[in-house]
Amino acid sequence: MIAVMEEPVKGEVRRLADIFSTDDTERASLHVKSAIDSQKHTLRTLQGFANENEELIKLVENLPNKVSHNIMVSKQLLHNSICE
């Protein structure tokens, strides 16, 4: 049996406007934009949490270096680690 080289199958080029209606395209575009906006909002929220956590970590790391600390009741808490 002899192998015969077949000609490659050629595809058909069609305009997207021939496949999808203008309304479908607009609805899809709005859906994608909405999804992007939602993800951007989630990203901003998570970035805010990350920033708050960084500040909290810095605060906790510096607590042992201070002798006194301001507290929420507008008083001062004195730290005394001297053992007798």
Protein backbone atom coordinates (compact mmCIF):
# COMPACT_ATOMS: atom_id res chain seq x y z
CA MET A 1 0.00 0.00 0.00
CA ILE A 2 1.33 3.41 -0.95
CA ALA A 3 0.87 6.35 1.48
CA VAL A 4 -0.80 9.24 -0.24
CA MET A 5 -0.25 12.76 1.10
CA GLU A 6 -3.62 14.41 1.49
CA GLU A 7 -4.06 18.12 1.16
CA PRO A 8 -4.54 19.83 4.53
CA VAL A 9 -8.10 20.72 5.39
CA LYS A 10 -8.56 24.42 5.24
CA GLY A 11 -10.77 26.23 7.72
CA GLU A 12 -13.26 28.87 7.02
CA VAL A 13 -12.74 32.46 8.12
CA ARG A 14 -15.84 34.10 9.51
CA ARG A 15 -16.38 37.46 11.10
CA LEU A 16 -17.37 37.37 14.77
CA ALA A 17 -20.32 39.58 13.90
CA ASP A 18 -21.60 36.72 11.74
CA ILE A 19 -21.41 34.32 14.69
CA PHE A 20 -22.52 36.46 17.64
CA SER A 21 -25.18 39.15 17.70
CA THR A 22 -24.33 42.66 18.81
CA ASP A 23 -26.56 42.20 21.89
CA ASP A 24 -24.76 38.97 22.87
CA THR A 25 -21.39 40.68 22.44
CA GLU A 26 -22.47 43.65 24.57
CA ARG A 27 -23.88 41.38 27.30
CA ALA A 28 -20.67 39.34 27.35
CA SER A 29 -18.59 42.52 27.55
CA LEU A 30 -20.65 43.84 30.47
CA HIS A 31 -20.35 40.49 32.24
CA VAL A 32 -16.56 40.50 31.87
CA LYS A 33 -16.32 44.13 33.04
CA SER A 34 -18.48 43.32 36.07
CA ALA A 35 -16.32 40.32 36.94
CA ILE A 36 -13.16 42.44 36.66
CA ASP A 37 -14.65 45.16 38.90
CA SER A 38 -15.63 42.53 41.48
CA GLN A 39 -12.13 41.07 41.50
CA LYS A 40 -10.58 44.55 41.81
CA HIS A 41 -12.81 45.23 44.83
CA THR A 42 -11.75 41.92 46.40
CA LEU A 43 -8.10 42.73 45.71
CA ARG A 44 -8.42 46.17 47.38
CA THR A 45 -10.08 44.57 50.42
CA LEU A 46 -7.36 41.94 50.73
CA GLN A 47 -4.63 44.56 50.27
CA GLY A 48 -6.19 46.55 53.13
CA PHE A 49 -6.10 43.44 55.35
CA ALA A 50 -2.45 42.85 54.41
CA ASN A 51 -1.54 46.46 55.25
CA GLU A 52 -3.31 46.24 58.62
CA ASN A 53 -1.54 42.96 59.40
CA GLU A 54 1.85 44.48 58.55
CA GLU A 55 1.17 47.37 60.95
CA LEU A 56 0.03 44.97 63.67
CA ILE A 57 3.14 42.82 63.23
CA LYS A 58 5.37 45.90 63.57
CA LEU A 59 3.48 46.95 66.71
CA VAL A 60 3.78 43.52 68.33
CA GLU A 61 7.48 43.32 67.45
CA ASN A 62 8.13 46.71 69.09
CA LEU A 63 6.10 46.10 72.27
CA PRO A 64 8.97 44.52 74.23
CA ASN A 65 11.17 47.55 73.49
CA LYS A 66 8.81 49.98 75.25
CA VAL A 67 8.53 50.58 78.98
CA SER A 68 5.11 52.22 78.81
CA HIS A 69 2.17 51.78 76.46
CA ASN A 70 -0.85 53.93 75.69
CA ILE A 71 -4.12 52.12 76.20
CA MET A 72 -7.64 52.78 74.92
CA VAL A 73 -8.94 54.40 78.13
CA SER A 74 -6.61 57.39 77.77
CA LYS A 75 -4.39 56.13 80.58
CA GLN A 76 -0.91 54.74 80.50
CA LEU A 77 0.06 51.16 81.25
CA LEU A 78 3.48 50.84 82.85
CA HIS A 79 5.46 47.74 82.14
CA ASN A 80 7.64 46.50 84.96
CA SER A 81 9.46 43.26 84.36
CA ILE A 82 11.71 43.51 87.38
CA CYS A 83 11.48 40.29 89.41
CA GLU A 84 12.23 40.50 93.13
